[in-house]
Amino acid sequence: MYVVIVYDVNVERVAKVCQYLRRYLDWVQNSVFEGELTDSQYKRIKHDLKEIMHEDEDSVRFYSFRTKEQVKIETMGIQKADIGCII
């Protein structure tokens, strides 16, 4: 599945969430990650982020699609990361 994860967490946890998500997904903008995941990876990420975040202060949104082809992505301005060139 193709997943976009957007988060707004307390500054104390931003680096931890960012470093964690970089293990699975591509960083595309501040607090935005996207990429292909298996069902088990998706479940693990949701579980692990729940352990990192504080639900009374932080917010994480998950957008999931069957494939990347189902998502129309347009970028205005600079592109933070060129995910097509990652080896």
PDB file of N, CA and C in Angstrom:
ATOM      1  N   MET A   1       0.837  -1.164   0.000  1.00  0.00           N
ATOM      2  CA  MET A   1       0.000   0.000   0.000  1.00  0.00           C
ATOM      3  C   MET A   1       0.892   1.242   0.000  1.00  0.00           C
ATOM      4  N   TYR A   2       0.343   2.342  -0.522  1.00  0.00           N
ATOM      5  CA  TYR A   2       1.080   3.606  -0.535  1.00  0.00           C
ATOM      6  C   TYR A   2       0.533   4.458   0.600  1.00  0.00           C
ATOM      7  N   VAL A   3       1.422   5.007   1.421  1.00  0.00           N
ATOM      8  CA  VAL A   3       1.013   5.713   2.627  1.00  0.00           C
ATOM      9  C   VAL A   3       1.658   7.087   2.681  1.00  0.00           C
ATOM     10  N   VAL A   4       0.864   8.062   3.127  1.00  0.00           N
ATOM     11  CA  VAL A   4       1.371   9.390   3.440  1.00  0.00           C
ATOM     12  C   VAL A   4       1.114   9.601   4.929  1.00  0.00           C
ATOM     13  N   ILE A   5       2.162   9.959   5.669  1.00  0.00           N
ATOM     14  CA  ILE A   5       2.033  10.218   7.099  1.00  0.00           C
ATOM     15  C   ILE A   5       2.426  11.664   7.358  1.00  0.00           C
ATOM     16  N   VAL A   6       1.549  12.375   8.044  1.00  0.00           N
ATOM     17  CA  VAL A   6       1.751  13.776   8.388  1.00  0.00           C
ATOM     18  C   VAL A   6       1.655  13.881   9.904  1.00  0.00           C
ATOM     19  N   TYR A   7       2.610  14.575  10.515  1.00  0.00           N
ATOM     20  CA  TYR A   7       2.575  14.662  11.969  1.00  0.00           C
ATOM     21  C   TYR A   7       2.825  16.073  12.465  1.00  0.00           C
ATOM     22  N   ASP A   8       2.234  16.355  13.617  1.00  0.00           N
ATOM     23  CA  ASP A   8       2.432  17.617  14.328  1.00  0.00           C
ATOM     24  C   ASP A   8       2.642  17.223  15.782  1.00  0.00           C
ATOM     25  N   VAL A   9       3.900  17.137  16.180  1.00  0.00           N
ATOM     26  CA  VAL A   9       4.225  16.695  17.538  1.00  0.00           C
ATOM     27  C   VAL A   9       5.033  17.772  18.256  1.00  0.00           C
ATOM     28  N   ASN A  10       5.049  17.679  19.561  1.00  0.00           N
ATOM     29  CA  ASN A  10       5.811  18.603  20.385  1.00  0.00           C
ATOM     30  C   ASN A  10       7.273  18.606  19.948  1.00  0.00           C
ATOM     31  N   VAL A  11       7.894  19.767  19.992  1.00  0.00           N
ATOM     32  CA  VAL A  11       9.275  19.929  19.528  1.00  0.00           C
ATOM     33  C   VAL A  11      10.222  18.925  20.182  1.00  0.00           C
ATOM     34  N   GLU A  12       9.913  18.475  21.377  1.00  0.00           N
ATOM     35  CA  GLU A  12      10.751  17.501  22.084  1.00  0.00           C
ATOM     36  C   GLU A  12      10.764  16.142  21.395  1.00  0.00           C
ATOM     37  N   ARG A  13       9.725  15.856  20.596  1.00  0.00           N
ATOM     38  CA  ARG A  13       9.603  14.550  19.965  1.00  0.00           C
ATOM     39  C   ARG A  13       9.766  14.584  18.439  1.00  0.00           C
ATOM     40  N   VAL A  14       9.924  15.759  17.864  1.00  0.00           N
ATOM     41  CA  VAL A  14      10.010  15.879  16.406  1.00  0.00           C
ATOM     42  C   VAL A  14      11.155  15.038  15.841  1.00  0.00           C
ATOM     43  N   ALA A  15      12.342  15.175  16.395  1.00  0.00           N
ATOM     44  CA  ALA A  15      13.504  14.438  15.879  1.00  0.00           C
ATOM     45  C   ALA A  15      13.313  12.931  16.009  1.00  0.00           C
ATOM     46  N   LYS A  16      12.725  12.492  17.100  1.00  0.00           N
ATOM     47  CA  LYS A  16      12.521  11.060  17.308  1.00  0.00           C
ATOM     48  C   LYS A  16      11.536  10.481  16.289  1.00  0.00           C
ATOM     49  N   VAL A  17      10.444  11.193  16.047  1.00  0.00           N
ATOM     50  CA  VAL A  17       9.462  10.735  15.057  1.00  0.00           C
ATOM     51  C   VAL A  17      10.083  10.743  13.661  1.00  0.00           C
ATOM     52  N   CYS A  18      10.792  11.815  13.327  1.00  0.00           N
ATOM     53  CA  CYS A  18      11.427  11.931  12.020  1.00  0.00           C
ATOM     54  C   CYS A  18      12.428  10.795  11.786  1.00  0.00           C
ATOM     55  N   GLN A  19      13.290  10.556  12.738  1.00  0.00           N
ATOM     56  CA  GLN A  19      14.291   9.489  12.604  1.00  0.00           C
ATOM     57  C   GLN A  19      13.618   8.125  12.477  1.00  0.00           C
ATOM     58  N   TYR A  20      12.561   7.920  13.224  1.00  0.00           N
ATOM     59  CA  TYR A  20      11.858   6.643  13.160  1.00  0.00           C
ATOM     60  C   TYR A  20      11.248   6.432  11.768  1.00  0.00           C
ATOM     61  N   LEU A  21      10.534   7.433  11.257  1.00  0.00           N
ATOM     62  CA  LEU A  21       9.860   7.288   9.969  1.00  0.00           C
ATOM     63  C   LEU A  21      10.835   7.156   8.811  1.00  0.00           C
ATOM     64  N   ARG A  22      12.023   7.725   8.918  1.00  0.00           N
ATOM     65  CA  ARG A  22      13.030   7.598   7.857  1.00  0.00           C
ATOM     66  C   ARG A  22      13.448   6.150   7.638  1.00  0.00           C
ATOM     67  N   ARG A  23      13.233   5.290   8.611  1.00  0.00           N
ATOM     68  CA  ARG A  23      13.567   3.873   8.455  1.00  0.00           C
ATOM     69  C   ARG A  23      12.641   3.184   7.459  1.00  0.00           C
ATOM     70  N   TYR A  24      11.453   3.724   7.264  1.00  0.00           N
ATOM     71  CA  TYR A  24      10.444   3.067   6.441  1.00  0.00           C
ATOM     72  C   TYR A  24      10.021   3.847   5.202  1.00  0.00           C
ATOM     73  N   LEU A  25      10.034   5.181   5.284  1.00  0.00           N
ATOM     74  CA  LEU A  25       9.426   6.013   4.251  1.00  0.00           C
ATOM     75  C   LEU A  25      10.381   7.099   3.765  1.00  0.00           C
ATOM     76  N   ASP A  26       9.978   7.775   2.703  1.00  0.00           N
ATOM     77  CA  ASP A  26      10.753   8.885   2.155  1.00  0.00           C
ATOM     78  C   ASP A  26      10.262  10.198   2.749  1.00  0.00           C
ATOM     79  N   TRP A  27      11.197  11.026   3.162  1.00  0.00           N
ATOM     80  CA  TRP A  27      10.872  12.351   3.694  1.00  0.00           C
ATOM     81  C   TRP A  27      10.635  13.274   2.518  1.00  0.00           C
ATOM     82  N   VAL A  28       9.462  13.906   2.446  1.00  0.00           N
ATOM     83  CA  VAL A  28       9.155  14.767   1.313  1.00  0.00           C
ATOM     84  C   VAL A  28       8.981  16.232   1.691  1.00  0.00           C
ATOM     85  N   GLN A  29       8.612  16.507   2.931  1.00  0.00           N
ATOM     86  CA  GLN A  29       8.518  17.869   3.443  1.00  0.00           C
ATOM     87  C   GLN A  29       8.608  17.801   4.954  1.00  0.00           C
ATOM     88  N   ASN A  30       8.771  18.973   5.568  1.00  0.00           N
ATOM     89  CA  ASN A  30       8.795  18.992   7.026  1.00  0.00           C
ATOM     90  C   ASN A  30       7.550  18.275   7.554  1.00  0.00           C
ATOM     91  N   SER A  31       7.755  17.288   8.371  1.00  0.00           N
ATOM     92  CA  SER A  31       6.690  16.521   9.018  1.00  0.00           C
ATOM     93  C   SER A  31       5.809  15.734   8.056  1.00  0.00           C
ATOM     94  N   VAL A  32       6.317  15.417   6.858  1.00  0.00           N
ATOM     95  CA  VAL A  32       5.555  14.634   5.885  1.00  0.00           C
ATOM     96  C   VAL A  32       6.448  13.538   5.313  1.00  0.00           C
ATOM     97  N   PHE A  33       5.963  12.304   5.398  1.00  0.00           N
ATOM     98  CA  PHE A  33       6.655  11.145   4.837  1.00  0.00           C
ATOM     99  C   PHE A  33       5.690  10.388   3.956  1.00  0.00           C
ATOM    100  N   GLU A  34       6.229   9.711   2.927  1.00  0.00           N
ATOM    101  CA  GLU A  34       5.375   8.893   2.077  1.00  0.00           C
ATOM    102  C   GLU A  34       6.178   7.748   1.484  1.00  0.00           C
ATOM    103  N   GLY A  35       5.461   6.706   1.057  1.00  0.00           N
ATOM    104  CA  GLY A  35       6.116   5.581   0.422  1.00  0.00           C
ATOM    105  C   GLY A  35       5.288   4.314   0.513  1.00  0.00           C
ATOM    106  N   GLU A  36       5.856   3.257  -0.049  1.00  0.00           N
ATOM    107  CA  GLU A  36       5.209   1.942  -0.068  1.00  0.00           C
ATOM    108  C   GLU A  36       5.487   1.198   1.238  1.00  0.00           C
ATOM    109  N   LEU A  37       4.466   0.567   1.790  1.00  0.00           N
ATOM    110  CA  LEU A  37       4.590  -0.238   3.003  1.00  0.00           C
ATOM    111  C   LEU A  37       3.810  -1.532   2.843  1.00  0.00           C
ATOM    112  N   THR A  38       4.258  -2.565   3.530  1.00  0.00           N
ATOM    113  CA  THR A  38       3.452  -3.779   3.648  1.00  0.00           C
ATOM    114  C   THR A  38       2.437  -3.548   4.765  1.00  0.00           C
ATOM    115  N   ASP A  39       1.454  -4.412   4.851  1.00  0.00           N
ATOM    116  CA  ASP A  39       0.468  -4.293   5.923  1.00  0.00           C
ATOM    117  C   ASP A  39       1.126  -4.398   7.293  1.00  0.00           C
ATOM    118  N   SER A  40       2.088  -5.302   7.425  1.00  0.00           N
ATOM    119  CA  SER A  40       2.744  -5.470   8.727  1.00  0.00           C
ATOM    120  C   SER A  40       3.591  -4.249   9.086  1.00  0.00           C
ATOM    121  N   GLN A  41       4.258  -3.644   8.110  1.00  0.00           N
ATOM    122  CA  GLN A  41       5.018  -2.420   8.384  1.00  0.00           C
ATOM    123  C   GLN A  41       4.088  -1.294   8.820  1.00  0.00           C
ATOM    124  N   TYR A  42       2.958  -1.179   8.140  1.00  0.00           N
ATOM    125  CA  TYR A  42       1.980  -0.143   8.480  1.00  0.00           C
ATOM    126  C   TYR A  42       1.487  -0.311   9.919  1.00  0.00           C
ATOM    127  N   LYS A  43       1.153  -1.536  10.293  1.00  0.00           N
ATOM    128  CA  LYS A  43       0.694  -1.801  11.663  1.00  0.00           C
ATOM    129  C   LYS A  43       1.793  -1.516  12.679  1.00  0.00           C
ATOM    130  N   ARG A  44       3.036  -1.883  12.364  1.00  0.00           N
ATOM    131  CA  ARG A  44       4.162  -1.640  13.265  1.00  0.00           C
ATOM    132  C   ARG A  44       4.381  -0.138  13.462  1.00  0.00           C
ATOM    133  N   ILE A  45       4.339   0.623  12.372  1.00  0.00           N
ATOM    134  CA  ILE A  45       4.532   2.072  12.468  1.00  0.00           C
ATOM    135  C   ILE A  45       3.451   2.696  13.342  1.00  0.00           C
ATOM    136  N   LYS A  46       2.209   2.320  13.136  1.00  0.00           N
ATOM    137  CA  LYS A  46       1.125   2.869  13.955  1.00  0.00           C
ATOM    138  C   LYS A  46       1.340   2.543  15.434  1.00  0.00           C
ATOM    139  N   HIS A  47       1.733   1.315  15.694  1.00  0.00           N
ATOM    140  CA  HIS A  47       1.990   0.904  17.081  1.00  0.00           C
ATOM    141  C   HIS A  47       3.149   1.692  17.686  1.00  0.00           C
ATOM    142  N   ASP A  48       4.262   1.764  16.959  1.00  0.00           N
ATOM    143  CA  ASP A  48       5.453   2.425  17.487  1.00  0.00           C
ATOM    144  C   ASP A  48       5.253   3.927  17.661  1.00  0.00           C
ATOM    145  N   LEU A  49       4.551   4.558  16.723  1.00  0.00           N
ATOM    146  CA  LEU A  49       4.294   5.995  16.869  1.00  0.00           C
ATOM    147  C   LEU A  49       3.395   6.280  18.069  1.00  0.00           C
ATOM    148  N   LYS A  50       2.489   5.369  18.339  1.00  0.00           N
ATOM    149  CA  LYS A  50       1.630   5.535  19.511  1.00  0.00           C
ATOM    150  C   LYS A  50       2.461   5.522  20.799  1.00  0.00           C
ATOM    151  N   GLU A  51       3.549   4.760  20.792  1.00  0.00           N
ATOM    152  CA  GLU A  51       4.452   4.717  21.941  1.00  0.00           C
ATOM    153  C   GLU A  51       5.296   5.992  22.058  1.00  0.00           C
ATOM    154  N   ILE A  52       5.652   6.598  20.921  1.00  0.00           N
ATOM    155  CA  ILE A  52       6.500   7.797  20.917  1.00  0.00           C
ATOM    156  C   ILE A  52       5.701   9.050  21.242  1.00  0.00           C
ATOM    157  N   MET A  53       4.522   9.183  20.654  1.00  0.00           N
ATOM    158  CA  MET A  53       3.750  10.415  20.788  1.00  0.00           C
ATOM    159  C   MET A  53       3.001  10.492  22.111  1.00  0.00           C
ATOM    160  N   HIS A  54       2.556  11.674  22.428  1.00  0.00           N
ATOM    161  CA  HIS A  54       1.675  11.906  23.568  1.00  0.00           C
ATOM    162  C   HIS A  54       0.318  12.287  22.984  1.00  0.00           C
ATOM    163  N   GLU A  55      -0.657  11.422  23.129  1.00  0.00           N
ATOM    164  CA  GLU A  55      -1.943  11.614  22.468  1.00  0.00           C
ATOM    165  C   GLU A  55      -2.679  12.865  22.919  1.00  0.00           C
ATOM    166  N   ASP A  56      -2.346  13.384  24.089  1.00  0.00           N
ATOM    167  CA  ASP A  56      -2.995  14.609  24.560  1.00  0.00           C
ATOM    168  C   ASP A  56      -2.325  15.880  24.029  1.00  0.00           C
ATOM    169  N   GLU A  57      -1.170  15.749  23.336  1.00  0.00           N
ATOM    170  CA  GLU A  57      -0.444  16.904  22.804  1.00  0.00           C
ATOM    171  C   GLU A  57      -0.168  16.809  21.311  1.00  0.00           C
ATOM    172  N   ASP A  58      -0.037  15.616  20.774  1.00  0.00           N
ATOM    173  CA  ASP A  58       0.464  15.405  19.422  1.00  0.00           C
ATOM    174  C   ASP A  58      -0.628  14.880  18.496  1.00  0.00           C
ATOM    175  N   SER A  59      -0.351  14.990  17.192  1.00  0.00           N
ATOM    176  CA  SER A  59      -1.275  14.499  16.182  1.00  0.00           C
ATOM    177  C   SER A  59      -0.493  13.850  15.044  1.00  0.00           C
ATOM    178  N   VAL A  60      -0.968  12.684  14.605  1.00  0.00           N
ATOM    179  CA  VAL A  60      -0.396  11.995  13.455  1.00  0.00           C
ATOM    180  C   VAL A  60      -1.566  11.584  12.564  1.00  0.00           C
ATOM    181  N   ARG A  61      -1.450  11.894  11.258  1.00  0.00           N
ATOM    182  CA  ARG A  61      -2.494  11.528  10.297  1.00  0.00           C
ATOM    183  C   ARG A  61      -1.913  10.545   9.292  1.00  0.00           C
ATOM    184  N   PHE A  62      -2.701   9.521   8.956  1.00  0.00           N
ATOM    185  CA  PHE A  62      -2.300   8.483   8.020  1.00  0.00           C
ATOM    186  C   PHE A  62      -3.258   8.510   6.824  1.00  0.00           C
ATOM    187  N   TYR A  63      -2.698   8.615   5.635  1.00  0.00           N
ATOM    188  CA  TYR A  63      -3.473   8.521   4.398  1.00  0.00           C
ATOM    189  C   TYR A  63      -2.957   7.283   3.667  1.00  0.00           C
ATOM    190  N   SER A  64      -3.827   6.332   3.415  1.00  0.00           N
ATOM    191  CA  SER A  64      -3.376   5.103   2.762  1.00  0.00           C
ATOM    192  C   SER A  64      -4.161   4.866   1.475  1.00  0.00           C
ATOM    193  N   PHE A  65      -3.444   4.334   0.488  1.00  0.00           N
ATOM    194  CA  PHE A  65      -3.980   4.068  -0.835  1.00  0.00           C
ATOM    195  C   PHE A  65      -3.488   2.691  -1.273  1.00  0.00           C
ATOM    196  N   ARG A  66      -4.215   2.042  -2.136  1.00  0.00           N
ATOM    197  CA  ARG A  66      -3.795   0.717  -2.594  1.00  0.00           C
ATOM    198  C   ARG A  66      -2.470   0.779  -3.333  1.00  0.00           C
ATOM    199  N   THR A  67      -2.314   1.786  -4.200  1.00  0.00           N
ATOM    200  CA  THR A  67      -1.067   1.941  -4.946  1.00  0.00           C
ATOM    201  C   THR A  67      -0.758   3.423  -5.116  1.00  0.00           C
ATOM    202  N   LYS A  68       0.495   3.726  -5.466  1.00  0.00           N
ATOM    203  CA  LYS A  68       0.888   5.111  -5.692  1.00  0.00           C
ATOM    204  C   LYS A  68       0.150   5.695  -6.889  1.00  0.00           C
ATOM    205  N   GLU A  69      -0.210   4.862  -7.847  1.00  0.00           N
ATOM    206  CA  GLU A  69      -0.898   5.332  -9.041  1.00  0.00           C
ATOM    207  C   GLU A  69      -2.267   5.929  -8.720  1.00  0.00           C
ATOM    208  N   GLN A  70      -2.820   5.612  -7.572  1.00  0.00           N
ATOM    209  CA  GLN A  70      -4.113   6.159  -7.162  1.00  0.00           C
ATOM    210  C   GLN A  70      -3.988   7.550  -6.553  1.00  0.00           C
ATOM    211  N   VAL A  71      -2.772   8.035  -6.396  1.00  0.00           N
ATOM    212  CA  VAL A  71      -2.527   9.326  -5.756  1.00  0.00           C
ATOM    213  C   VAL A  71      -2.002  10.308  -6.794  1.00  0.00           C
ATOM    214  N   LYS A  72      -2.655  11.446  -6.909  1.00  0.00           N
ATOM    215  CA  LYS A  72      -2.155  12.501  -7.779  1.00  0.00           C
ATOM    216  C   LYS A  72      -1.352  13.461  -6.901  1.00  0.00           C
ATOM    217  N   ILE A  73      -0.071  13.590  -7.195  1.00  0.00           N
ATOM    218  CA  ILE A  73       0.814  14.437  -6.389  1.00  0.00           C
ATOM    219  C   ILE A  73       1.318  15.584  -7.252  1.00  0.00           C
ATOM    220  N   GLU A  74       1.086  16.799  -6.794  1.00  0.00           N
ATOM    221  CA  GLU A  74       1.593  17.986  -7.461  1.00  0.00           C
ATOM    222  C   GLU A  74       2.410  18.781  -6.451  1.00  0.00           C
ATOM    223  N   THR A  75       3.534  19.329  -6.907  1.00  0.00           N
ATOM    224  CA  THR A  75       4.386  20.121  -6.024  1.00  0.00           C
ATOM    225  C   THR A  75       4.537  21.515  -6.611  1.00  0.00           C
ATOM    226  N   MET A  76       4.331  22.528  -5.776  1.00  0.00           N
ATOM    227  CA  MET A  76       4.589  23.907  -6.159  1.00  0.00           C
ATOM    228  C   MET A  76       5.808  24.376  -5.385  1.00  0.00           C
ATOM    229  N   GLY A  77       6.681  25.124  -6.016  1.00  0.00           N
ATOM    230  CA  GLY A  77       7.878  25.582  -5.332  1.00  0.00           C
ATOM    231  C   GLY A  77       8.930  24.493  -5.301  1.00  0.00           C
ATOM    232  N   ILE A  78       9.834  24.596  -4.351  1.00  0.00           N
ATOM    233  CA  ILE A  78      10.936  23.644  -4.285  1.00  0.00           C
ATOM    234  C   ILE A  78      10.450  22.291  -3.792  1.00  0.00           C
ATOM    235  N   GLN A  79      11.111  21.268  -4.247  1.00  0.00           N
ATOM    236  CA  GLN A  79      10.830  19.915  -3.779  1.00  0.00           C
ATOM    237  C   GLN A  79      11.899  19.567  -2.768  1.00  0.00           C
ATOM    238  N   LYS A  80      11.499  19.231  -1.542  1.00  0.00           N
ATOM    239  CA  LYS A  80      12.450  18.970  -0.455  1.00  0.00           C
ATOM    240  C   LYS A  80      13.349  17.794  -0.735  1.00  0.00           C
ATOM    241  N   ALA A  81      12.805  16.737  -1.296  1.00  0.00           N
ATOM    242  CA  ALA A  81      13.615  15.527  -1.544  1.00  0.00           C
ATOM    243  C   ALA A  81      13.170  14.918  -2.861  1.00  0.00           C
ATOM    244  N   ASP A  82      14.128  14.549  -3.690  1.00  0.00           N
ATOM    245  CA  ASP A  82      13.824  13.888  -4.955  1.00  0.00           C
ATOM    246  C   ASP A  82      13.823  12.385  -4.711  1.00  0.00           C
ATOM    247  N   ILE A  83      12.628  11.842  -4.413  1.00  0.00           N
ATOM    248  CA  ILE A  83      12.546  10.434  -4.050  1.00  0.00           C
ATOM    249  C   ILE A  83      12.778   9.526  -5.237  1.00  0.00           C
ATOM    250  N   GLY A  84      12.750  10.071  -6.456  1.00  0.00           N
ATOM    251  CA  GLY A  84      12.992   9.248  -7.622  1.00  0.00           C
ATOM    252  C   GLY A  84      14.464   8.910  -7.829  1.00  0.00           C
ATOM    253  N   CYS A  85      15.364   9.611  -7.164  1.00  0.00           N
ATOM    254  CA  CYS A  85      16.793   9.407  -7.372  1.00  0.00           C
ATOM    255  C   CYS A  85      17.472   8.677  -6.207  1.00  0.00           C
ATOM    256  N   ILE A  86      16.716   8.203  -5.262  1.00  0.00           N
ATOM    257  CA  ILE A  86      17.302   7.509  -4.119  1.00  0.00           C
ATOM    258  C   ILE A  86      17.688   6.108  -4.536  1.00  0.00           C
ATOM    259  N   ILE A  87      18.902   5.713  -4.204  1.00  0.00           N
ATOM    260  CA  ILE A  87      19.398   4.383  -4.594  1.00  0.00           C
ATOM    261  C   ILE A  87      19.488   3.510  -3.353  1.00  0.00           C
TER     262      ILE A  87
END
